[in-house]
Amino acid sequence: MPYIPYRSDLFVKQFKALCKKDKPLEKLLLDAIGDIVAHPDNFDTPLKADRNRSVKKKAIRERYRIIYRYCERCFAVHKNLCDGCEMALDNPPKAIVFEEVFHRDDGY
């Protein structure tokens, strides 16, 4: 069963802002998102503290960051589904929730 991507409202807002005048960037980000959907366990770093269920993936020559969580990892690591996620009850175990996308200079 393939992974099913979901996008948070913040992700959609950030994605639109980034790609508003940059169609080549939009294509590159969509390719990176496609890679994540194909292999969500190939992330760079898990986040810490209150965002410990989310992971970070660097994209496009390590200039952009994509923050996401996938329910399979939440269940394997934390032994329950993402209770902090507003869509968790509706998501199947193979769900990926994209939370944020930003340029590294803007996010830190």
PDB file of N, CA and C in Angstrom:
ATOM      1  N   MET A   1       0.847  -1.177   0.000  1.00  0.00           N
ATOM      2  CA  MET A   1       0.000   0.000   0.000  1.00  0.00           C
ATOM      3  C   MET A   1       0.896   1.245   0.000  1.00  0.00           C
ATOM      4  N   PRO A   2       0.713   2.155  -0.933  1.00  0.00           N
ATOM      5  CA  PRO A   2       1.561   3.362  -0.996  1.00  0.00           C
ATOM      6  C   PRO A   2       1.195   4.351   0.116  1.00  0.00           C
ATOM      7  N   TYR A   3       2.112   5.244   0.373  1.00  0.00           N
ATOM      8  CA  TYR A   3       1.885   6.291   1.363  1.00  0.00           C
ATOM      9  C   TYR A   3       0.952   7.348   0.789  1.00  0.00           C
ATOM     10  N   ILE A   4       0.136   7.916   1.668  1.00  0.00           N
ATOM     11  CA  ILE A   4      -0.843   8.919   1.261  1.00  0.00           C
ATOM     12  C   ILE A   4      -0.416  10.260   1.843  1.00  0.00           C
ATOM     13  N   PRO A   5      -0.106  11.263   0.996  1.00  0.00           N
ATOM     14  CA  PRO A   5       0.325  12.563   1.516  1.00  0.00           C
ATOM     15  C   PRO A   5      -0.852  13.461   1.888  1.00  0.00           C
ATOM     16  N   TYR A   6      -0.699  14.173   2.990  1.00  0.00           N
ATOM     17  CA  TYR A   6      -1.629  15.202   3.433  1.00  0.00           C
ATOM     18  C   TYR A   6      -0.818  16.465   3.663  1.00  0.00           C
ATOM     19  N   ARG A   7      -1.422  17.617   3.471  1.00  0.00           N
ATOM     20  CA  ARG A   7      -0.727  18.886   3.653  1.00  0.00           C
ATOM     21  C   ARG A   7      -1.443  19.716   4.699  1.00  0.00           C
ATOM     22  N   SER A   8      -0.680  20.219   5.659  1.00  0.00           N
ATOM     23  CA  SER A   8      -1.276  21.105   6.667  1.00  0.00           C
ATOM     24  C   SER A   8      -1.557  22.464   6.029  1.00  0.00           C
ATOM     25  N   ASP A   9      -2.365  23.257   6.691  1.00  0.00           N
ATOM     26  CA  ASP A   9      -2.682  24.601   6.183  1.00  0.00           C
ATOM     27  C   ASP A   9      -1.424  25.463   6.096  1.00  0.00           C
ATOM     28  N   LEU A  10      -0.546  25.337   7.088  1.00  0.00           N
ATOM     29  CA  LEU A  10       0.698  26.107   7.087  1.00  0.00           C
ATOM     30  C   LEU A  10       1.585  25.695   5.910  1.00  0.00           C
ATOM     31  N   PHE A  11       1.653  24.404   5.637  1.00  0.00           N
ATOM     32  CA  PHE A  11       2.455  23.920   4.515  1.00  0.00           C
ATOM     33  C   PHE A  11       1.937  24.490   3.197  1.00  0.00           C
ATOM     34  N   VAL A  12       0.635  24.452   3.007  1.00  0.00           N
ATOM     35  CA  VAL A  12       0.039  24.968   1.768  1.00  0.00           C
ATOM     36  C   VAL A  12       0.339  26.454   1.616  1.00  0.00           C
ATOM     37  N   LYS A  13       0.210  27.203   2.698  1.00  0.00           N
ATOM     38  CA  LYS A  13       0.481  28.646   2.668  1.00  0.00           C
ATOM     39  C   LYS A  13       1.945  28.914   2.328  1.00  0.00           C
ATOM     40  N   GLN A  14       2.863  28.213   2.972  1.00  0.00           N
ATOM     41  CA  GLN A  14       4.295  28.405   2.715  1.00  0.00           C
ATOM     42  C   GLN A  14       4.666  27.974   1.297  1.00  0.00           C
ATOM     43  N   PHE A  15       4.101  26.870   0.840  1.00  0.00           N
ATOM     44  CA  PHE A  15       4.399  26.360  -0.500  1.00  0.00           C
ATOM     45  C   PHE A  15       3.954  27.369  -1.557  1.00  0.00           C
ATOM     46  N   LYS A  16       2.753  27.909  -1.397  1.00  0.00           N
ATOM     47  CA  LYS A  16       2.256  28.914  -2.350  1.00  0.00           C
ATOM     48  C   LYS A  16       3.122  30.162  -2.358  1.00  0.00           C
ATOM     49  N   ALA A  17       3.553  30.593  -1.174  1.00  0.00           N
ATOM     50  CA  ALA A  17       4.389  31.788  -1.086  1.00  0.00           C
ATOM     51  C   ALA A  17       5.744  31.566  -1.758  1.00  0.00           C
ATOM     52  N   LEU A  18       6.319  30.397  -1.573  1.00  0.00           N
ATOM     53  CA  LEU A  18       7.616  30.097  -2.190  1.00  0.00           C
ATOM     54  C   LEU A  18       7.523  30.004  -3.705  1.00  0.00           C
ATOM     55  N   CYS A  19       6.464  29.395  -4.186  1.00  0.00           N
ATOM     56  CA  CYS A  19       6.358  29.075  -5.611  1.00  0.00           C
ATOM     57  C   CYS A  19       5.544  30.087  -6.409  1.00  0.00           C
ATOM     58  N   LYS A  20       5.128  31.150  -5.774  1.00  0.00           N
ATOM     59  CA  LYS A  20       4.248  32.117  -6.431  1.00  0.00           C
ATOM     60  C   LYS A  20       4.818  32.626  -7.750  1.00  0.00           C
ATOM     61  N   LYS A  21       6.083  32.986  -7.765  1.00  0.00           N
ATOM     62  CA  LYS A  21       6.699  33.527  -8.980  1.00  0.00           C
ATOM     63  C   LYS A  21       7.861  32.673  -9.466  1.00  0.00           C
ATOM     64  N   ASP A  22       7.927  31.436  -9.016  1.00  0.00           N
ATOM     65  CA  ASP A  22       9.078  30.598  -9.333  1.00  0.00           C
ATOM     66  C   ASP A  22       8.616  29.183  -9.696  1.00  0.00           C
ATOM     67  N   LYS A  23       8.196  28.982 -10.949  1.00  0.00           N
ATOM     68  CA  LYS A  23       7.709  27.676 -11.401  1.00  0.00           C
ATOM     69  C   LYS A  23       8.786  26.594 -11.384  1.00  0.00           C
ATOM     70  N   PRO A  24      10.052  26.894 -11.723  1.00  0.00           N
ATOM     71  CA  PRO A  24      11.082  25.848 -11.607  1.00  0.00           C
ATOM     72  C   PRO A  24      11.259  25.359 -10.166  1.00  0.00           C
ATOM     73  N   LEU A  25      11.166  26.264  -9.197  1.00  0.00           N
ATOM     74  CA  LEU A  25      11.253  25.864  -7.793  1.00  0.00           C
ATOM     75  C   LEU A  25      10.082  24.971  -7.419  1.00  0.00           C
ATOM     76  N   GLU A  26       8.903  25.297  -7.921  1.00  0.00           N
ATOM     77  CA  GLU A  26       7.724  24.473  -7.646  1.00  0.00           C
ATOM     78  C   GLU A  26       7.938  23.044  -8.128  1.00  0.00           C
ATOM     79  N   LYS A  27       8.473  22.888  -9.327  1.00  0.00           N
ATOM     80  CA  LYS A  27       8.726  21.545  -9.862  1.00  0.00           C
ATOM     81  C   LYS A  27       9.751  20.799  -9.012  1.00  0.00           C
ATOM     82  N   LEU A  28      10.813  21.482  -8.595  1.00  0.00           N
ATOM     83  CA  LEU A  28      11.839  20.846  -7.771  1.00  0.00           C
ATOM     84  C   LEU A  28      11.295  20.440  -6.404  1.00  0.00           C
ATOM     85  N   LEU A  29      10.467  21.295  -5.808  1.00  0.00           N
ATOM     86  CA  LEU A  29       9.864  20.949  -4.524  1.00  0.00           C
ATOM     87  C   LEU A  29       8.890  19.788  -4.657  1.00  0.00           C
ATOM     88  N   LEU A  30       8.117  19.771  -5.737  1.00  0.00           N
ATOM     89  CA  LEU A  30       7.198  18.648  -5.960  1.00  0.00           C
ATOM     90  C   LEU A  30       7.958  17.342  -6.169  1.00  0.00           C
ATOM     91  N   ASP A  31       9.102  17.412  -6.841  1.00  0.00           N
ATOM     92  CA  ASP A  31       9.945  16.217  -6.993  1.00  0.00           C
ATOM     93  C   ASP A  31      10.459  15.747  -5.641  1.00  0.00           C
ATOM     94  N   ALA A  32      10.889  16.684  -4.792  1.00  0.00           N
ATOM     95  CA  ALA A  32      11.373  16.334  -3.453  1.00  0.00           C
ATOM     96  C   ALA A  32      10.249  15.723  -2.616  1.00  0.00           C
ATOM     97  N   ILE A  33       9.054  16.271  -2.731  1.00  0.00           N
ATOM     98  CA  ILE A  33       7.903  15.722  -2.011  1.00  0.00           C
ATOM     99  C   ILE A  33       7.591  14.315  -2.523  1.00  0.00           C
ATOM    100  N   GLY A  34       7.702  14.119  -3.828  1.00  0.00           N
ATOM    101  CA  GLY A  34       7.500  12.788  -4.395  1.00  0.00           C
ATOM    102  C   GLY A  34       8.506  11.783  -3.864  1.00  0.00           C
ATOM    103  N   ASP A  35       9.758  12.207  -3.705  1.00  0.00           N
ATOM    104  CA  ASP A  35      10.778  11.327  -3.126  1.00  0.00           C
ATOM    105  C   ASP A  35      10.443  10.975  -1.676  1.00  0.00           C
ATOM    106  N   ILE A  36       9.941  11.955  -0.933  1.00  0.00           N
ATOM    107  CA  ILE A  36       9.564  11.698   0.456  1.00  0.00           C
ATOM    108  C   ILE A  36       8.399  10.719   0.522  1.00  0.00           C
ATOM    109  N   VAL A  37       7.422  10.893  -0.343  1.00  0.00           N
ATOM    110  CA  VAL A  37       6.272   9.980  -0.356  1.00  0.00           C
ATOM    111  C   VAL A  37       6.719   8.564  -0.703  1.00  0.00           C
ATOM    112  N   ALA A  38       7.695   8.449  -1.598  1.00  0.00           N
ATOM    113  CA  ALA A  38       8.200   7.127  -1.976  1.00  0.00           C
ATOM    114  C   ALA A  38       9.006   6.480  -0.850  1.00  0.00           C
ATOM    115  N   HIS A  39       9.778   7.285  -0.117  1.00  0.00           N
ATOM    116  CA  HIS A  39      10.647   6.758   0.944  1.00  0.00           C
ATOM    117  C   HIS A  39      10.650   7.710   2.144  1.00  0.00           C
ATOM    118  N   PRO A  40       9.594   7.718   2.955  1.00  0.00           N
ATOM    119  CA  PRO A  40       9.528   8.673   4.069  1.00  0.00           C
ATOM    120  C   PRO A  40      10.550   8.400   5.166  1.00  0.00           C
ATOM    121  N   ASP A  41      11.070   7.199   5.233  1.00  0.00           N
ATOM    122  CA  ASP A  41      12.052   6.886   6.271  1.00  0.00           C
ATOM    123  C   ASP A  41      13.457   7.386   5.923  1.00  0.00           C
ATOM    124  N   ASN A  42      13.622   8.003   4.757  1.00  0.00           N
ATOM    125  CA  ASN A  42      14.901   8.554   4.332  1.00  0.00           C
ATOM    126  C   ASN A  42      14.973  10.045   4.687  1.00  0.00           C
ATOM    127  N   PHE A  43      14.808  10.359   5.974  1.00  0.00           N
ATOM    128  CA  PHE A  43      14.851  11.745   6.421  1.00  0.00           C
ATOM    129  C   PHE A  43      16.247  12.077   6.934  1.00  0.00           C
ATOM    130  N   ASP A  44      16.516  13.364   7.125  1.00  0.00           N
ATOM    131  CA  ASP A  44      17.828  13.788   7.597  1.00  0.00           C
ATOM    132  C   ASP A  44      17.937  13.760   9.119  1.00  0.00           C
ATOM    133  N   THR A  45      16.987  14.365   9.811  1.00  0.00           N
ATOM    134  CA  THR A  45      17.058  14.435  11.266  1.00  0.00           C
ATOM    135  C   THR A  45      15.665  14.436  11.886  1.00  0.00           C
ATOM    136  N   PRO A  46      15.497  13.730  12.993  1.00  0.00           N
ATOM    137  CA  PRO A  46      14.251  13.889  13.743  1.00  0.00           C
ATOM    138  C   PRO A  46      14.323  15.175  14.543  1.00  0.00           C
ATOM    139  N   LEU A  47      13.201  15.836  14.699  1.00  0.00           N
ATOM    140  CA  LEU A  47      13.165  17.070  15.483  1.00  0.00           C
ATOM    141  C   LEU A  47      13.061  16.725  16.971  1.00  0.00           C
ATOM    142  N   LYS A  48      13.317  17.708  17.806  1.00  0.00           N
ATOM    143  CA  LYS A  48      13.368  17.468  19.250  1.00  0.00           C
ATOM    144  C   LYS A  48      12.293  18.267  19.977  1.00  0.00           C
ATOM    145  N   ALA A  49      12.234  18.059  21.270  1.00  0.00           N
ATOM    146  CA  ALA A  49      11.340  18.751  22.201  1.00  0.00           C
ATOM    147  C   ALA A  49       9.868  18.516  21.832  1.00  0.00           C
ATOM    148  N   ASP A  50       9.090  19.583  21.714  1.00  0.00           N
ATOM    149  CA  ASP A  50       7.661  19.420  21.468  1.00  0.00           C
ATOM    150  C   ASP A  50       7.349  18.987  20.038  1.00  0.00           C
ATOM    151  N   ARG A  51       8.354  18.952  19.168  1.00  0.00           N
ATOM    152  CA  ARG A  51       8.133  18.515  17.777  1.00  0.00           C
ATOM    153  C   ARG A  51       8.798  17.168  17.535  1.00  0.00           C
ATOM    154  N   ASN A  52       8.915  16.347  18.573  1.00  0.00           N
ATOM    155  CA  ASN A  52       9.670  15.104  18.477  1.00  0.00           C
ATOM    156  C   ASN A  52       9.050  14.054  17.562  1.00  0.00           C
ATOM    157  N   ARG A  53       7.827  14.237  17.137  1.00  0.00           N
ATOM    158  CA  ARG A  53       7.221  13.286  16.208  1.00  0.00           C
ATOM    159  C   ARG A  53       7.500  13.647  14.745  1.00  0.00           C
ATOM    160  N   SER A  54       8.022  14.826  14.514  1.00  0.00           N
ATOM    161  CA  SER A  54       8.284  15.298  13.153  1.00  0.00           C
ATOM    162  C   SER A  54       9.737  15.040  12.768  1.00  0.00           C
ATOM    163  N   VAL A  55       9.964  14.987  11.456  1.00  0.00           N
ATOM    164  CA  VAL A  55      11.313  14.821  10.922  1.00  0.00           C
ATOM    165  C   VAL A  55      11.569  15.895   9.870  1.00  0.00           C
ATOM    166  N   LYS A  56      12.862  16.116   9.581  1.00  0.00           N
ATOM    167  CA  LYS A  56      13.255  17.160   8.635  1.00  0.00           C
ATOM    168  C   LYS A  56      13.987  16.520   7.462  1.00  0.00           C
ATOM    169  N   LYS A  57      13.695  16.994   6.270  1.00  0.00           N
ATOM    170  CA  LYS A  57      14.393  16.572   5.061  1.00  0.00           C
ATOM    171  C   LYS A  57      14.910  17.811   4.349  1.00  0.00           C
ATOM    172  N   LYS A  58      16.204  17.804   4.012  1.00  0.00           N
ATOM    173  CA  LYS A  58      16.785  18.897   3.239  1.00  0.00           C
ATOM    174  C   LYS A  58      16.489  18.638   1.771  1.00  0.00           C
ATOM    175  N   ALA A  59      16.171  19.693   1.044  1.00  0.00           N
ATOM    176  CA  ALA A  59      15.810  19.542  -0.367  1.00  0.00           C
ATOM    177  C   ALA A  59      16.493  20.619  -1.205  1.00  0.00           C
ATOM    178  N   ILE A  60      16.662  20.334  -2.462  1.00  0.00           N
ATOM    179  CA  ILE A  60      17.188  21.255  -3.468  1.00  0.00           C
ATOM    180  C   ILE A  60      18.527  21.841  -3.006  1.00  0.00           C
ATOM    181  N   ARG A  61      19.522  21.036  -3.131  1.00  0.00           N
ATOM    182  CA  ARG A  61      20.895  21.408  -2.758  1.00  0.00           C
ATOM    183  C   ARG A  61      20.984  21.917  -1.322  1.00  0.00           C
ATOM    184  N   GLU A  62      20.191  21.317  -0.463  1.00  0.00           N
ATOM    185  CA  GLU A  62      20.178  21.617   0.971  1.00  0.00           C
ATOM    186  C   GLU A  62      19.804  23.062   1.292  1.00  0.00           C
ATOM    187  N   ARG A  63      19.089  23.723   0.393  1.00  0.00           N
ATOM    188  CA  ARG A  63      18.656  25.106   0.629  1.00  0.00           C
ATOM    189  C   ARG A  63      17.281  25.189   1.283  1.00  0.00           C
ATOM    190  N   TYR A  64      16.459  24.184   1.100  1.00  0.00           N
ATOM    191  CA  TYR A  64      15.089  24.192   1.616  1.00  0.00           C
ATOM    192  C   TYR A  64      14.909  23.071   2.624  1.00  0.00           C
ATOM    193  N   ARG A  65      13.982  23.278   3.545  1.00  0.00           N
ATOM    194  CA  ARG A  65      13.670  22.283   4.556  1.00  0.00           C
ATOM    195  C   ARG A  65      12.198  21.909   4.431  1.00  0.00           C
ATOM    196  N   ILE A  66      11.952  20.616   4.490  1.00  0.00           N
ATOM    197  CA  ILE A  66      10.584  20.105   4.488  1.00  0.00           C
ATOM    198  C   ILE A  66      10.400  19.353   5.806  1.00  0.00           C
ATOM    199  N   ILE A  67       9.452  19.801   6.600  1.00  0.00           N
ATOM    200  CA  ILE A  67       9.150  19.185   7.888  1.00  0.00           C
ATOM    201  C   ILE A  67       7.885  18.352   7.708  1.00  0.00           C
ATOM    202  N   TYR A  68       7.957  17.093   8.124  1.00  0.00           N
ATOM    203  CA  TYR A  68       6.798  16.218   7.976  1.00  0.00           C
ATOM    204  C   TYR A  68       6.808  15.167   9.068  1.00  0.00           C
ATOM    205  N   ARG A  69       5.697  14.490   9.193  1.00  0.00           N
ATOM    206  CA  ARG A  69       5.603  13.330  10.079  1.00  0.00           C
ATOM    207  C   ARG A  69       4.892  12.227   9.326  1.00  0.00           C
ATOM    208  N   TYR A  70       5.250  11.009   9.622  1.00  0.00           N
ATOM    209  CA  TYR A  70       4.527   9.898   9.022  1.00  0.00           C
ATOM    210  C   TYR A  70       4.131   8.916  10.108  1.00  0.00           C
ATOM    211  N   CYS A  71       2.897   8.514  10.029  1.00  0.00           N
ATOM    212  CA  CYS A  71       2.264   7.755  11.105  1.00  0.00           C
ATOM    213  C   CYS A  71       2.968   6.431  11.386  1.00  0.00           C
ATOM    214  N   GLU A  72       3.571   5.839  10.396  1.00  0.00           N
ATOM    215  CA  GLU A  72       4.280   4.574  10.607  1.00  0.00           C
ATOM    216  C   GLU A  72       5.429   4.768  11.606  1.00  0.00           C
ATOM    217  N   ARG A  73       6.163   5.871  11.494  1.00  0.00           N
ATOM    218  CA  ARG A  73       7.254   6.165  12.436  1.00  0.00           C
ATOM    219  C   ARG A  73       6.702   6.479  13.819  1.00  0.00           C
ATOM    220  N   CYS A  74       5.656   7.273  13.882  1.00  0.00           N
ATOM    221  CA  CYS A  74       5.058   7.602  15.182  1.00  0.00           C
ATOM    222  C   CYS A  74       4.662   6.337  15.925  1.00  0.00           C
ATOM    223  N   PHE A  75       4.082   5.416  15.211  1.00  0.00           N
ATOM    224  CA  PHE A  75       3.638   4.186  15.848  1.00  0.00           C
ATOM    225  C   PHE A  75       4.824   3.316  16.246  1.00  0.00           C
ATOM    226  N   ALA A  76       5.861   3.263  15.404  1.00  0.00           N
ATOM    227  CA  ALA A  76       7.032   2.441  15.708  1.00  0.00           C
ATOM    228  C   ALA A  76       7.844   3.023  16.873  1.00  0.00           C
ATOM    229  N   VAL A  77       8.038   4.331  16.891  1.00  0.00           N
ATOM    230  CA  VAL A  77       8.879   4.963  17.904  1.00  0.00           C
ATOM    231  C   VAL A  77       8.108   5.245  19.189  1.00  0.00           C
ATOM    232  N   HIS A  78       6.918   5.796  19.065  1.00  0.00           N
ATOM    233  CA  HIS A  78       6.170   6.256  20.234  1.00  0.00           C
ATOM    234  C   HIS A  78       5.032   5.318  20.631  1.00  0.00           C
ATOM    235  N   LYS A  79       4.820   4.260  19.889  1.00  0.00           N
ATOM    236  CA  LYS A  79       3.809   3.233  20.173  1.00  0.00           C
ATOM    237  C   LYS A  79       2.376   3.724  20.120  1.00  0.00           C
ATOM    238  N   ASN A  80       2.153   4.862  19.483  1.00  0.00           N
ATOM    239  CA  ASN A  80       0.791   5.325  19.219  1.00  0.00           C
ATOM    240  C   ASN A  80       0.826   6.279  18.037  1.00  0.00           C
ATOM    241  N   LEU A  81      -0.334   6.538  17.490  1.00  0.00           N
ATOM    242  CA  LEU A  81      -0.413   7.453  16.352  1.00  0.00           C
ATOM    243  C   LEU A  81      -0.250   8.887  16.811  1.00  0.00           C
ATOM    244  N   CYS A  82      -0.063   9.776  15.868  1.00  0.00           N
ATOM    245  CA  CYS A  82       0.187  11.195  16.144  1.00  0.00           C
ATOM    246  C   CYS A  82      -1.027  11.826  16.812  1.00  0.00           C
ATOM    247  N   ASP A  83      -1.039  11.864  18.135  1.00  0.00           N
ATOM    248  CA  ASP A  83      -2.190  12.455  18.812  1.00  0.00           C
ATOM    249  C   ASP A  83      -2.180  13.977  18.714  1.00  0.00           C
ATOM    250  N   GLY A  84      -1.041  14.589  18.402  1.00  0.00           N
ATOM    251  CA  GLY A  84      -0.972  16.034  18.233  1.00  0.00           C
ATOM    252  C   GLY A  84      -1.426  16.483  16.861  1.00  0.00           C
ATOM    253  N   CYS A  85      -1.608  15.569  15.961  1.00  0.00           N
ATOM    254  CA  CYS A  85      -1.989  15.897  14.590  1.00  0.00           C
ATOM    255  C   CYS A  85      -3.510  15.956  14.480  1.00  0.00           C
ATOM    256  N   GLU A  86      -4.002  17.044  13.930  1.00  0.00           N
ATOM    257  CA  GLU A  86      -5.452  17.200  13.817  1.00  0.00           C
ATOM    258  C   GLU A  86      -6.086  16.225  12.841  1.00  0.00           C
ATOM    259  N   MET A  87      -5.266  15.629  11.963  1.00  0.00           N
ATOM    260  CA  MET A  87      -5.806  14.692  10.984  1.00  0.00           C
ATOM    261  C   MET A  87      -5.541  13.240  11.358  1.00  0.00           C
ATOM    262  N   ALA A  88      -4.928  12.963  12.503  1.00  0.00           N
ATOM    263  CA  ALA A  88      -4.464  11.614  12.829  1.00  0.00           C
ATOM    264  C   ALA A  88      -5.580  10.583  12.859  1.00  0.00           C
ATOM    265  N   LEU A  89      -6.734  10.951  13.361  1.00  0.00           N
ATOM    266  CA  LEU A  89      -7.810   9.973  13.461  1.00  0.00           C
ATOM    267  C   LEU A  89      -8.368   9.588  12.100  1.00  0.00           C
ATOM    268  N   ASP A  90      -8.236  10.484  11.127  1.00  0.00           N
ATOM    269  CA  ASP A  90      -8.749  10.209   9.800  1.00  0.00           C
ATOM    270  C   ASP A  90      -7.708   9.556   8.897  1.00  0.00           C
ATOM    271  N   ASN A  91      -6.438   9.584   9.303  1.00  0.00           N
ATOM    272  CA  ASN A  91      -5.363   9.081   8.453  1.00  0.00           C
ATOM    273  C   ASN A  91      -5.145   7.590   8.633  1.00  0.00           C
ATOM    274  N   PRO A  92      -4.908   6.902   7.544  1.00  0.00           N
ATOM    275  CA  PRO A  92      -4.514   5.513   7.652  1.00  0.00           C
ATOM    276  C   PRO A  92      -3.065   5.430   8.133  1.00  0.00           C
ATOM    277  N   PRO A  93      -2.588   4.264   8.570  1.00  0.00           N
ATOM    278  CA  PRO A  93      -1.216   4.136   9.065  1.00  0.00           C
ATOM    279  C   PRO A  93      -0.143   4.488   8.037  1.00  0.00           C
ATOM    280  N   LYS A  94      -0.460   4.535   6.785  1.00  0.00           N
ATOM    281  CA  LYS A  94       0.521   4.863   5.755  1.00  0.00           C
ATOM    282  C   LYS A  94       0.422   6.331   5.341  1.00  0.00           C
ATOM    283  N   ALA A  95       0.041   7.198   6.264  1.00  0.00           N
ATOM    284  CA  ALA A  95      -0.131   8.615   5.954  1.00  0.00           C
ATOM    285  C   ALA A  95       1.150   9.393   6.224  1.00  0.00           C
ATOM    286  N   ILE A  96       1.368  10.429   5.408  1.00  0.00           N
ATOM    287  CA  ILE A  96       2.456  11.380   5.606  1.00  0.00           C
ATOM    288  C   ILE A  96       1.811  12.755   5.681  1.00  0.00           C
ATOM    289  N   VAL A  97       2.088  13.480   6.759  1.00  0.00           N
ATOM    290  CA  VAL A  97       1.524  14.819   6.932  1.00  0.00           C
ATOM    291  C   VAL A  97       2.662  15.820   6.782  1.00  0.00           C
ATOM    292  N   PHE A  98       2.606  16.607   5.720  1.00  0.00           N
ATOM    293  CA  PHE A  98       3.605  17.649   5.484  1.00  0.00           C
ATOM    294  C   PHE A  98       3.201  18.865   6.310  1.00  0.00           C
ATOM    295  N   GLU A  99       4.118  19.313   7.182  1.00  0.00           N
ATOM    296  CA  GLU A  99       3.798  20.393   8.113  1.00  0.00           C
ATOM    297  C   GLU A  99       4.334  21.749   7.676  1.00  0.00           C
ATOM    298  N   GLU A 100       5.581  21.797   7.197  1.00  0.00           N
ATOM    299  CA  GLU A 100       6.196  23.071   6.831  1.00  0.00           C
ATOM    300  C   GLU A 100       7.164  22.882   5.674  1.00  0.00           C
ATOM    301  N   VAL A 101       7.368  23.955   4.916  1.00  0.00           N
ATOM    302  CA  VAL A 101       8.413  24.019   3.893  1.00  0.00           C
ATOM    303  C   VAL A 101       8.932  25.453   3.889  1.00  0.00           C
ATOM    304  N   PHE A 102      10.262  25.610   3.926  1.00  0.00           N
ATOM    305  CA  PHE A 102      10.828  26.951   3.993  1.00  0.00           C
ATOM    306  C   PHE A 102      12.275  26.940   3.536  1.00  0.00           C
ATOM    307  N   HIS A 103      12.762  28.123   3.167  1.00  0.00           N
ATOM    308  CA  HIS A 103      14.175  28.289   2.851  1.00  0.00           C
ATOM    309  C   HIS A 103      14.943  28.298   4.159  1.00  0.00           C
ATOM    310  N   ARG A 104      16.110  27.710   4.173  1.00  0.00           N
ATOM    311  CA  ARG A 104      16.856  27.580   5.425  1.00  0.00           C
ATOM    312  C   ARG A 104      17.170  28.930   6.068  1.00  0.00           C
ATOM    313  N   ASP A 105      17.358  29.982   5.280  1.00  0.00           N
ATOM    314  CA  ASP A 105      17.634  31.294   5.839  1.00  0.00           C
ATOM    315  C   ASP A 105      16.411  31.908   6.523  1.00  0.00           C
ATOM    316  N   ASP A 106      15.226  31.520   6.093  1.00  0.00           N
ATOM    317  CA  ASP A 106      14.000  32.061   6.656  1.00  0.00           C
ATOM    318  C   ASP A 106      13.520  31.276   7.871  1.00  0.00           C
ATOM    319  N   GLY A 107      13.925  30.026   7.979  1.00  0.00           N
ATOM    320  CA  GLY A 107      13.381  29.161   9.035  1.00  0.00           C
ATOM    321  C   GLY A 107      14.158  29.167  10.319  1.00  0.00           C
ATOM    322  N   TYR A 108      15.387  29.631  10.279  1.00  0.00           N
ATOM    323  CA  TYR A 108      16.207  29.550  11.495  1.00  0.00           C
ATOM    324  C   TYR A 108      16.555  30.921  12.021  1.00  0.00           C
TER     325      TYR A 108
END
